[in-house]
Protein backbone atom coordinates (compact mmCIF):
# COMPACT_ATOMS: atom_id res chain seq x y z
CA MET A 1 40.74 140.56 -105.81
CA LEU A 2 37.35 140.33 -104.14
CA SER A 3 36.40 137.43 -101.90
CA VAL A 4 33.11 136.84 -100.09
CA GLU A 5 32.54 133.76 -97.93
CA ALA A 6 29.60 132.14 -96.13
CA VAL A 7 26.89 134.62 -97.20
CA SER A 8 23.28 133.77 -96.33
CA LYS A 9 20.10 135.73 -97.10
CA THR A 10 16.47 135.11 -96.21
CA PHE A 11 13.30 136.92 -97.30
CA GLY A 12 10.59 136.21 -94.75
CA GLY A 13 10.48 132.41 -94.54
CA VAL A 14 12.31 131.86 -97.88
CA GLN A 15 16.05 131.24 -97.81
CA ALA A 16 17.50 132.69 -101.04
CA LEU A 17 21.18 131.99 -100.25
CA ARG A 18 22.75 129.54 -97.86
CA ASN A 19 26.50 129.65 -97.15
CA ALA A 20 27.41 131.01 -100.63
CA SER A 21 30.99 132.02 -101.47
CA LEU A 22 32.44 134.02 -104.37
CA THR A 23 35.94 134.98 -105.50
CA CYS A 24 36.76 137.42 -108.31
CA GLU A 25 40.40 137.79 -109.37
CA ALA A 26 41.98 141.05 -110.58
CA GLY A 27 40.98 141.77 -114.20
CA GLU A 28 37.92 139.48 -114.18
CA ILE A 29 34.47 140.76 -115.06
CA LEU A 30 31.65 139.15 -113.09
CA GLY A 31 27.88 139.47 -113.37
CA LEU A 32 25.32 138.23 -110.84
CA ILE A 33 21.65 137.72 -111.59
């Protein structure tokens, strides 16, 4: 299992992510774009 919580990312003055969370269970296949 993989779990990520409260991730934020900014590029200069642009906020791309704000407080994002993700959970992937064992055996799942996940793709992010």
